[in-house]
């Protein structure tokens, strides 16, 4: 038997929350063997970003693991439950008020496959930062960031991509710790280096150097939260020259310094 949670209500403990004109954005935390809440649904559609921990979720007669760094979309009135949480788990929730977004795409299953990218994760962490700033500008900032998140999920998703772009994406994500020269990429892809240079921003929305720094920061996020490794060790592991360089890059993309994020 499922029950419905009203807007702004969750099975976890709400740490921070801000109401805006279009959303209720909150940070919730969960503890092992607590807060599961049984089979339930939500009155409004919700996007959840897990930034620490994870759990096993049951939905539509299927079960799957929810991991840190992943987004999940919950249509209104869809029953689900979570179990077997790790010792500690934290989520960012974006709950959409009724009729706040007219685009039907937002409330379709497609969004599950459209917002799980690096830029979306960084937007989610900047939303989290606004919960902690919580000043007179935060409400408008949150609405703009949520709009950016939805826009990023819609942008260029149907555009044709050459096969070599798909191979390049997989290659860079697999070898994110390496420094791969343009000439090596050209040899691997059998594409002229000038073509790679000209087309890179079109398909990655940034320069090659910016994208590689994003990958390094992205891979550091889970290490910061899920391990006790010193930040200097994480910086070196992720390919930064030193901790200062790591801190600057991490803050540029997430809004937090590594130490601030670890202490959330």
C-alpha atoms as a PDB file:
ATOM      1  CA  UNK A   1       0.000   0.000   0.000  1.00  0.00           C
ATOM      2  CA  UNK A   2       1.514   3.311  -1.100  1.00  0.00           C
ATOM      3  CA  UNK A   3       0.995   6.704   0.486  1.00  0.00           C
ATOM      4  CA  UNK A   4       1.580  10.156  -0.969  1.00  0.00           C
ATOM      5  CA  UNK A   5       3.931  12.773   0.454  1.00  0.00           C
ATOM      6  CA  UNK A   6       2.796  16.379   0.190  1.00  0.00           C
ATOM      7  CA  UNK A   7       5.023  19.029  -1.366  1.00  0.00           C
ATOM      8  CA  UNK A   8       8.193  19.689   0.598  1.00  0.00           C
ATOM      9  CA  UNK A   9       7.951  16.385   2.481  1.00  0.00           C
ATOM     10  CA  UNK A  10      10.501  13.577   2.171  1.00  0.00           C
ATOM     11  CA  UNK A  11      11.402  10.370   3.962  1.00  0.00           C
ATOM     12  CA  UNK A  12      14.808  11.834   4.836  1.00  0.00           C
ATOM     13  CA  UNK A  13      15.751  14.633   7.208  1.00  0.00           C
ATOM     14  CA  UNK A  14      15.693  18.053   5.540  1.00  0.00           C
ATOM     15  CA  UNK A  15      18.931  19.918   6.318  1.00  0.00           C
ATOM     16  CA  UNK A  16      18.391  23.009   4.182  1.00  0.00           C
ATOM     17  CA  UNK A  17      15.541  24.186   1.993  1.00  0.00           C
ATOM     18  CA  UNK A  18      14.509  27.235  -0.031  1.00  0.00           C
ATOM     19  CA  UNK A  19      11.131  27.946  -1.646  1.00  0.00           C
ATOM     20  CA  UNK A  20      11.202  29.831  -4.943  1.00  0.00           C
ATOM     21  CA  UNK A  21       8.503  30.852  -7.391  1.00  0.00           C
ATOM     22  CA  UNK A  22       8.841  27.582  -9.302  1.00  0.00           C
ATOM     23  CA  UNK A  23      10.524  25.052  -7.006  1.00  0.00           C
ATOM     24  CA  UNK A  24      11.327  23.847  -3.528  1.00  0.00           C
ATOM     25  CA  UNK A  25      15.028  22.955  -3.445  1.00  0.00           C
ATOM     26  CA  UNK A  26      16.344  21.071  -0.438  1.00  0.00           C
ATOM     27  CA  UNK A  27      19.182  18.986   0.919  1.00  0.00           C
ATOM     28  CA  UNK A  28      18.128  15.783   2.684  1.00  0.00           C
ATOM     29  CA  UNK A  29      20.133  13.201   4.592  1.00  0.00           C
ATOM     30  CA  UNK A  30      19.486   9.560   5.373  1.00  0.00           C
ATOM     31  CA  UNK A  31      20.973   7.074   7.826  1.00  0.00           C
ATOM     32  CA  UNK A  32      21.277   3.313   7.504  1.00  0.00           C
ATOM     33  CA  UNK A  33      18.098   1.445   8.541  1.00  0.00           C
ATOM     34  CA  UNK A  34      16.288   4.762   8.967  1.00  0.00           C
ATOM     35  CA  UNK A  35      14.156   7.093   6.851  1.00  0.00           C
ATOM     36  CA  UNK A  36      13.199   4.518   4.191  1.00  0.00           C
ATOM     37  CA  UNK A  37       9.523   5.344   4.692  1.00  0.00           C
ATOM     38  CA  UNK A  38       8.121   2.335   2.822  1.00  0.00           C
ATOM     39  CA  UNK A  39       6.329   2.507  -0.506  1.00  0.00           C
ATOM     40  CA  UNK A  40       5.410   6.122  -1.206  1.00  0.00           C
ATOM     41  CA  UNK A  41       4.993   8.718  -3.936  1.00  0.00           C
ATOM     42  CA  UNK A  42       5.315  12.491  -4.209  1.00  0.00           C
ATOM     43  CA  UNK A  43       2.634  14.986  -5.113  1.00  0.00           C
ATOM     44  CA  UNK A  44       4.949  16.944  -7.413  1.00  0.00           C
ATOM     45  CA  UNK A  45       7.656  15.901  -9.910  1.00  0.00           C
ATOM     46  CA  UNK A  46      11.137  15.767  -8.379  1.00  0.00           C
ATOM     47  CA  UNK A  47      14.693  15.603  -9.681  1.00  0.00           C
ATOM     48  CA  UNK A  48      17.093  14.116  -7.120  1.00  0.00           C
ATOM     49  CA  UNK A  49      20.882  14.359  -7.261  1.00  0.00           C
ATOM     50  CA  UNK A  50      22.798  12.083  -4.872  1.00  0.00           C
ATOM     51  CA  UNK A  51      25.980  13.795  -3.737  1.00  0.00           C
ATOM     52  CA  UNK A  52      26.998  11.304  -1.057  1.00  0.00           C
ATOM     53  CA  UNK A  53      26.260   7.650  -0.356  1.00  0.00           C
ATOM     54  CA  UNK A  54      23.467   5.853  -2.195  1.00  0.00           C
ATOM     55  CA  UNK A  55      20.830   3.163  -1.778  1.00  0.00           C
ATOM     56  CA  UNK A  56      18.793   0.445  -3.450  1.00  0.00           C
ATOM     57  CA  UNK A  57      15.547   1.672  -4.939  1.00  0.00           C
ATOM     58  CA  UNK A  58      12.454  -0.302  -5.886  1.00  0.00           C
ATOM     59  CA  UNK A  59      10.259   1.152  -8.591  1.00  0.00           C
ATOM     60  CA  UNK A  60       7.867  -0.348 -11.146  1.00  0.00           C
ATOM     61  CA  UNK A  61       8.638  -3.915 -10.006  1.00  0.00           C
ATOM     62  CA  UNK A  62      12.362  -3.384 -10.573  1.00  0.00           C
ATOM     63  CA  UNK A  63      15.266  -2.667  -8.243  1.00  0.00           C
ATOM     64  CA  UNK A  64      18.462  -0.792  -8.979  1.00  0.00           C
ATOM     65  CA  UNK A  65      21.306   0.868  -7.146  1.00  0.00           C
ATOM     66  CA  UNK A  66      21.392   4.630  -6.809  1.00  0.00           C
ATOM     67  CA  UNK A  67      24.967   5.902  -6.643  1.00  0.00           C
ATOM     68  CA  UNK A  68      26.576   9.194  -5.704  1.00  0.00           C
ATOM     69  CA  UNK A  69      26.907  11.527  -8.666  1.00  0.00           C
ATOM     70  CA  UNK A  70      23.716  10.341 -10.356  1.00  0.00           C
ATOM     71  CA  UNK A  71      20.400  12.075 -11.095  1.00  0.00           C
ATOM     72  CA  UNK A  72      16.987  10.475 -10.742  1.00  0.00           C
ATOM     73  CA  UNK A  73      13.604  11.744 -11.881  1.00  0.00           C
ATOM     74  CA  UNK A  74      10.352  11.021 -10.036  1.00  0.00           C
ATOM     75  CA  UNK A  75       7.093  11.807 -11.835  1.00  0.00           C
ATOM     76  CA  UNK A  76       4.279  12.856  -9.551  1.00  0.00           C
ATOM     77  CA  UNK A  77       2.331   9.983  -7.982  1.00  0.00           C
ATOM     78  CA  UNK A  78       4.840   7.266  -8.933  1.00  0.00           C
ATOM     79  CA  UNK A  79       5.225   4.736  -6.057  1.00  0.00           C
ATOM     80  CA  UNK A  80       8.768   3.811  -5.024  1.00  0.00           C
ATOM     81  CA  UNK A  81      10.752   2.844  -1.950  1.00  0.00           C
ATOM     82  CA  UNK A  82      14.396   2.719  -0.913  1.00  0.00           C
ATOM     83  CA  UNK A  83      16.257   0.215   1.237  1.00  0.00           C
ATOM     84  CA  UNK A  84      19.750  -0.892   2.253  1.00  0.00           C
ATOM     85  CA  UNK A  85      21.216   2.568   2.430  1.00  0.00           C
ATOM     86  CA  UNK A  86      24.893   3.046   2.976  1.00  0.00           C
ATOM     87  CA  UNK A  87      25.802   4.328   6.425  1.00  0.00           C
ATOM     88  CA  UNK A  88      25.092   7.881   5.383  1.00  0.00           C
ATOM     89  CA  UNK A  89      23.518   9.346   2.267  1.00  0.00           C
ATOM     90  CA  UNK A  90      22.750  12.899   1.154  1.00  0.00           C
ATOM     91  CA  UNK A  91      20.560  14.133  -1.699  1.00  0.00           C
ATOM     92  CA  UNK A  92      19.737  17.403  -3.385  1.00  0.00           C
ATOM     93  CA  UNK A  93      16.039  17.539  -4.296  1.00  0.00           C
ATOM     94  CA  UNK A  94      14.456  19.848  -6.853  1.00  0.00           C
ATOM     95  CA  UNK A  95      10.696  19.695  -6.452  1.00  0.00           C
ATOM     96  CA  UNK A  96       8.699  21.457  -9.160  1.00  0.00           C
ATOM     97  CA  UNK A  97       5.577  23.313  -8.186  1.00  0.00           C
ATOM     98  CA  UNK A  98       2.430  22.645 -10.175  1.00  0.00           C
ATOM     99  CA  UNK A  99       2.557  24.200 -13.664  1.00  0.00           C
ATOM    100  CA  UNK A 100       5.967  25.732 -12.959  1.00  0.00           C
ATOM    101  CA  UNK A 101       7.382  24.423 -16.240  1.00  0.00           C
ATOM    102  CA  UNK A 102       5.216  24.043 -19.311  1.00  0.00           C
ATOM    103  CA  UNK A 103       7.671  21.911 -21.280  1.00  0.00           C
ATOM    104  CA  UNK A 104       6.299  18.377 -21.307  1.00  0.00           C
ATOM    105  CA  UNK A 105       9.810  17.000 -21.697  1.00  0.00           C
ATOM    106  CA  UNK A 106      10.536  17.838 -18.082  1.00  0.00           C
ATOM    107  CA  UNK A 107       7.936  15.371 -16.904  1.00  0.00           C
ATOM    108  CA  UNK A 108       8.834  12.540 -19.253  1.00  0.00           C
ATOM    109  CA  UNK A 109      11.153   9.588 -18.785  1.00  0.00           C
ATOM    110  CA  UNK A 110      13.593  11.065 -21.290  1.00  0.00           C
ATOM    111  CA  UNK A 111      14.977  13.395 -18.664  1.00  0.00           C
ATOM    112  CA  UNK A 112      16.556  10.413 -16.919  1.00  0.00           C
ATOM    113  CA  UNK A 113      18.910  10.039 -19.862  1.00  0.00           C
ATOM    114  CA  UNK A 114      19.448  13.716 -20.564  1.00  0.00           C
ATOM    115  CA  UNK A 115      20.778  15.369 -17.428  1.00  0.00           C
ATOM    116  CA  UNK A 116      23.406  12.864 -16.343  1.00  0.00           C
ATOM    117  CA  UNK A 117      26.378  14.814 -17.642  1.00  0.00           C
ATOM    118  CA  UNK A 118      29.230  16.756 -16.090  1.00  0.00           C
ATOM    119  CA  UNK A 119      27.734  20.228 -16.473  1.00  0.00           C
ATOM    120  CA  UNK A 120      24.481  19.078 -14.865  1.00  0.00           C
ATOM    121  CA  UNK A 121      26.397  17.808 -11.831  1.00  0.00           C
ATOM    122  CA  UNK A 122      28.176  21.117 -11.458  1.00  0.00           C
ATOM    123  CA  UNK A 123      24.875  22.999 -11.662  1.00  0.00           C
ATOM    124  CA  UNK A 124      23.462  20.723  -8.948  1.00  0.00           C
ATOM    125  CA  UNK A 125      26.383  21.514  -6.656  1.00  0.00           C
ATOM    126  CA  UNK A 126      25.946  25.242  -7.268  1.00  0.00           C
ATOM    127  CA  UNK A 127      22.293  24.800  -6.274  1.00  0.00           C
ATOM    128  CA  UNK A 128      23.519  23.112  -3.114  1.00  0.00           C
ATOM    129  CA  UNK A 129      25.827  26.046  -2.476  1.00  0.00           C
ATOM    130  CA  UNK A 130      22.887  28.476  -2.717  1.00  0.00           C
ATOM    131  CA  UNK A 131      21.128  26.532   0.056  1.00  0.00           C
ATOM    132  CA  UNK A 132      24.065  27.325   2.316  1.00  0.00           C
ATOM    133  CA  UNK A 133      24.423  30.946   1.212  1.00  0.00           C
ATOM    134  CA  UNK A 134      20.663  31.537   1.630  1.00  0.00           C
ATOM    135  CA  UNK A 135      20.626  35.292   1.192  1.00  0.00           C
ATOM    136  CA  UNK A 136      18.296  37.714  -0.588  1.00  0.00           C
ATOM    137  CA  UNK A 137      19.667  36.657  -3.979  1.00  0.00           C
ATOM    138  CA  UNK A 138      19.427  32.901  -3.483  1.00  0.00           C
ATOM    139  CA  UNK A 139      15.821  32.437  -4.605  1.00  0.00           C
ATOM    140  CA  UNK A 140      16.376  34.055  -7.998  1.00  0.00           C
ATOM    141  CA  UNK A 141      19.759  32.355  -8.328  1.00  0.00           C
ATOM    142  CA  UNK A 142      18.151  28.969  -7.722  1.00  0.00           C
ATOM    143  CA  UNK A 143      15.442  29.547 -10.334  1.00  0.00           C
ATOM    144  CA  UNK A 144      18.084  30.539 -12.896  1.00  0.00           C
ATOM    145  CA  UNK A 145      20.253  27.524 -12.066  1.00  0.00           C
ATOM    146  CA  UNK A 146      17.273  25.174 -12.355  1.00  0.00           C
ATOM    147  CA  UNK A 147      16.472  26.725 -15.728  1.00  0.00           C
ATOM    148  CA  UNK A 148      20.101  26.135 -16.753  1.00  0.00           C
ATOM    149  CA  UNK A 149      19.803  22.514 -15.635  1.00  0.00           C
ATOM    150  CA  UNK A 150      16.674  21.926 -17.700  1.00  0.00           C
ATOM    151  CA  UNK A 151      18.125  23.835 -20.651  1.00  0.00           C
ATOM    152  CA  UNK A 152      21.290  21.738 -20.567  1.00  0.00           C
ATOM    153  CA  UNK A 153      19.170  18.590 -20.705  1.00  0.00           C
ATOM    154  CA  UNK A 154      17.368  19.836 -23.811  1.00  0.00           C
ATOM    155  CA  UNK A 155      20.315  21.367 -25.636  1.00  0.00           C
ATOM    156  CA  UNK A 156      21.515  19.610 -28.764  1.00  0.00           C
ATOM    157  CA  UNK A 157      20.245  16.187 -27.687  1.00  0.00           C
ATOM    158  CA  UNK A 158      18.806  15.435 -31.106  1.00  0.00           C
ATOM    159  CA  UNK A 159      21.704  16.915 -33.086  1.00  0.00           C
ATOM    160  CA  UNK A 160      23.563  14.437 -35.255  1.00  0.00           C
ATOM    161  CA  UNK A 161      27.046  13.655 -33.959  1.00  0.00           C
ATOM    162  CA  UNK A 162      29.774  12.127 -36.102  1.00  0.00           C
ATOM    163  CA  UNK A 163      30.924   8.707 -34.980  1.00  0.00           C
ATOM    164  CA  UNK A 164      34.376  10.052 -34.177  1.00  0.00           C
ATOM    165  CA  UNK A 165      32.860  12.493 -31.671  1.00  0.00           C
ATOM    166  CA  UNK A 166      31.270   9.576 -29.804  1.00  0.00           C
ATOM    167  CA  UNK A 167      34.600   7.725 -29.814  1.00  0.00           C
ATOM    168  CA  UNK A 168      36.380  10.869 -28.615  1.00  0.00           C
ATOM    169  CA  UNK A 169      33.909  11.264 -25.751  1.00  0.00           C
ATOM    170  CA  UNK A 170      34.473   7.683 -24.584  1.00  0.00           C
ATOM    171  CA  UNK A 171      38.232   7.994 -25.001  1.00  0.00           C
ATOM    172  CA  UNK A 172      38.544  11.170 -22.932  1.00  0.00           C
ATOM    173  CA  UNK A 173      36.276   9.824 -20.198  1.00  0.00           C
ATOM    174  CA  UNK A 174      38.261   6.571 -20.022  1.00  0.00           C
ATOM    175  CA  UNK A 175      41.672   8.274 -20.057  1.00  0.00           C
ATOM    176  CA  UNK A 176      40.830  11.384 -18.036  1.00  0.00           C
ATOM    177  CA  UNK A 177      44.019  11.096 -15.945  1.00  0.00           C
ATOM    178  CA  UNK A 178      46.268  11.237 -19.006  1.00  0.00           C
ATOM    179  CA  UNK A 179      47.525  14.115 -21.102  1.00  0.00           C
ATOM    180  CA  UNK A 180      46.618  13.109 -24.637  1.00  0.00           C
ATOM    181  CA  UNK A 181      48.063  15.298 -27.369  1.00  0.00           C
ATOM    182  CA  UNK A 182      46.034  16.523 -30.304  1.00  0.00           C
ATOM    183  CA  UNK A 183      48.294  14.570 -32.652  1.00  0.00           C
ATOM    184  CA  UNK A 184      47.635  11.340 -30.741  1.00  0.00           C
ATOM    185  CA  UNK A 185      43.902  11.990 -30.847  1.00  0.00           C
ATOM    186  CA  UNK A 186      44.185  12.609 -34.581  1.00  0.00           C
ATOM    187  CA  UNK A 187      45.949   9.266 -35.089  1.00  0.00           C
ATOM    188  CA  UNK A 188      43.445   7.347 -32.954  1.00  0.00           C
ATOM    189  CA  UNK A 189      40.370   8.926 -34.539  1.00  0.00           C
ATOM    190  CA  UNK A 190      41.781   9.136 -38.066  1.00  0.00           C
ATOM    191  CA  UNK A 191      40.567  12.725 -38.133  1.00  0.00           C
ATOM    192  CA  UNK A 192      42.746  15.741 -38.912  1.00  0.00           C
ATOM    193  CA  UNK A 193      43.832  17.697 -35.835  1.00  0.00           C
ATOM    194  CA  UNK A 194      42.454  20.925 -37.331  1.00  0.00           C
ATOM    195  CA  UNK A 195      39.017  19.296 -37.658  1.00  0.00           C
ATOM    196  CA  UNK A 196      39.155  18.144 -34.029  1.00  0.00           C
ATOM    197  CA  UNK A 197      40.088  21.656 -32.896  1.00  0.00           C
ATOM    198  CA  UNK A 198      37.315  23.296 -34.906  1.00  0.00           C
ATOM    199  CA  UNK A 199      34.594  20.836 -33.919  1.00  0.00           C
ATOM    200  CA  UNK A 200      35.441  20.283 -30.250  1.00  0.00           C
ATOM    201  CA  UNK A 201      33.618  23.297 -28.809  1.00  0.00           C
ATOM    202  CA  UNK A 202      30.587  22.624 -31.007  1.00  0.00           C
ATOM    203  CA  UNK A 203      29.985  19.218 -29.418  1.00  0.00           C
ATOM    204  CA  UNK A 204      31.512  19.630 -25.947  1.00  0.00           C
ATOM    205  CA  UNK A 205      30.459  23.268 -25.308  1.00  0.00           C
ATOM    206  CA  UNK A 206      33.954  24.154 -24.070  1.00  0.00           C
ATOM    207  CA  UNK A 207      37.602  23.914 -25.065  1.00  0.00           C
ATOM    208  CA  UNK A 208      39.614  20.705 -24.851  1.00  0.00           C
ATOM    209  CA  UNK A 209      41.530  21.966 -21.792  1.00  0.00           C
ATOM    210  CA  UNK A 210      38.336  23.030 -20.025  1.00  0.00           C
ATOM    211  CA  UNK A 211      36.728  19.658 -20.658  1.00  0.00           C
ATOM    212  CA  UNK A 212      39.697  17.741 -19.264  1.00  0.00           C
ATOM    213  CA  UNK A 213      39.693  19.921 -16.131  1.00  0.00           C
ATOM    214  CA  UNK A 214      35.966  19.239 -15.750  1.00  0.00           C
ATOM    215  CA  UNK A 215      36.647  15.499 -15.926  1.00  0.00           C
ATOM    216  CA  UNK A 216      39.310  15.775 -13.234  1.00  0.00           C
ATOM    217  CA  UNK A 217      37.015  17.750 -10.921  1.00  0.00           C
ATOM    218  CA  UNK A 218      34.134  15.378 -11.621  1.00  0.00           C
ATOM    219  CA  UNK A 219      36.202  12.337 -10.665  1.00  0.00           C
ATOM    220  CA  UNK A 220      37.372  14.039  -7.476  1.00  0.00           C
ATOM    221  CA  UNK A 221      33.827  14.592  -6.157  1.00  0.00           C
ATOM    222  CA  UNK A 222      33.159  11.038  -5.001  1.00  0.00           C
ATOM    223  CA  UNK A 223      36.697  10.662  -3.633  1.00  0.00           C
ATOM    224  CA  UNK A 224      36.204  13.709  -1.429  1.00  0.00           C
ATOM    225  CA  UNK A 225      32.958  12.390   0.027  1.00  0.00           C
ATOM    226  CA  UNK A 226      33.531   8.634   0.034  1.00  0.00           C
ATOM    227  CA  UNK A 227      37.124   8.448   1.258  1.00  0.00           C
ATOM    228  CA  UNK A 228      39.340   9.830   3.990  1.00  0.00           C
ATOM    229  CA  UNK A 229      42.190  10.511   1.596  1.00  0.00           C
ATOM    230  CA  UNK A 230      43.983  13.812   2.203  1.00  0.00           C
ATOM    231  CA  UNK A 231      42.922  16.451  -0.291  1.00  0.00           C
ATOM    232  CA  UNK A 232      46.510  16.741  -1.520  1.00  0.00           C
ATOM    233  CA  UNK A 233      46.504  13.028  -2.423  1.00  0.00           C
ATOM    234  CA  UNK A 234      43.188  13.454  -4.254  1.00  0.00           C
ATOM    235  CA  UNK A 235      44.620  16.442  -6.118  1.00  0.00           C
ATOM    236  CA  UNK A 236      47.609  14.421  -7.324  1.00  0.00           C
ATOM    237  CA  UNK A 237      45.493  11.372  -8.154  1.00  0.00           C
ATOM    238  CA  UNK A 238      43.195  13.506 -10.297  1.00  0.00           C
ATOM    239  CA  UNK A 239      46.103  15.056 -12.151  1.00  0.00           C
ATOM    240  CA  UNK A 240      46.338  18.515 -10.599  1.00  0.00           C
ATOM    241  CA  UNK A 241      49.744  20.110 -10.147  1.00  0.00           C
ATOM    242  CA  UNK A 242      49.116  20.915  -6.489  1.00  0.00           C
ATOM    243  CA  UNK A 243      46.317  21.402  -3.956  1.00  0.00           C
ATOM    244  CA  UNK A 244      45.985  25.099  -4.768  1.00  0.00           C
ATOM    245  CA  UNK A 245      45.319  24.344  -8.439  1.00  0.00           C
ATOM    246  CA  UNK A 246      42.852  21.650  -7.401  1.00  0.00           C
ATOM    247  CA  UNK A 247      40.994  24.016  -5.064  1.00  0.00           C
ATOM    248  CA  UNK A 248      40.710  26.759  -7.690  1.00  0.00           C
ATOM    249  CA  UNK A 249      39.385  24.393 -10.337  1.00  0.00           C
ATOM    250  CA  UNK A 250      36.979  22.659  -7.952  1.00  0.00           C
ATOM    251  CA  UNK A 251      35.541  25.969  -6.785  1.00  0.00           C
ATOM    252  CA  UNK A 252      35.246  27.280 -10.336  1.00  0.00           C
ATOM    253  CA  UNK A 253      32.949  24.441 -11.355  1.00  0.00           C
ATOM    254  CA  UNK A 254      31.081  23.601  -8.137  1.00  0.00           C
ATOM    255  CA  UNK A 255      31.052  26.802  -6.079  1.00  0.00           C
ATOM    256  CA  UNK A 256      32.725  25.005  -3.145  1.00  0.00           C
ATOM    257  CA  UNK A 257      36.329  24.453  -2.183  1.00  0.00           C
ATOM    258  CA  UNK A 258      37.172  20.754  -1.723  1.00  0.00           C
ATOM    259  CA  UNK A 259      37.333  21.165   2.069  1.00  0.00           C
ATOM    260  CA  UNK A 260      33.964  22.971   2.168  1.00  0.00           C
ATOM    261  CA  UNK A 261      32.363  20.196   0.133  1.00  0.00           C
ATOM    262  CA  UNK A 262      33.866  17.467   2.320  1.00  0.00           C
ATOM    263  CA  UNK A 263      32.439  19.109   5.442  1.00  0.00           C
ATOM    264  CA  UNK A 264      28.839  19.352   4.197  1.00  0.00           C
END
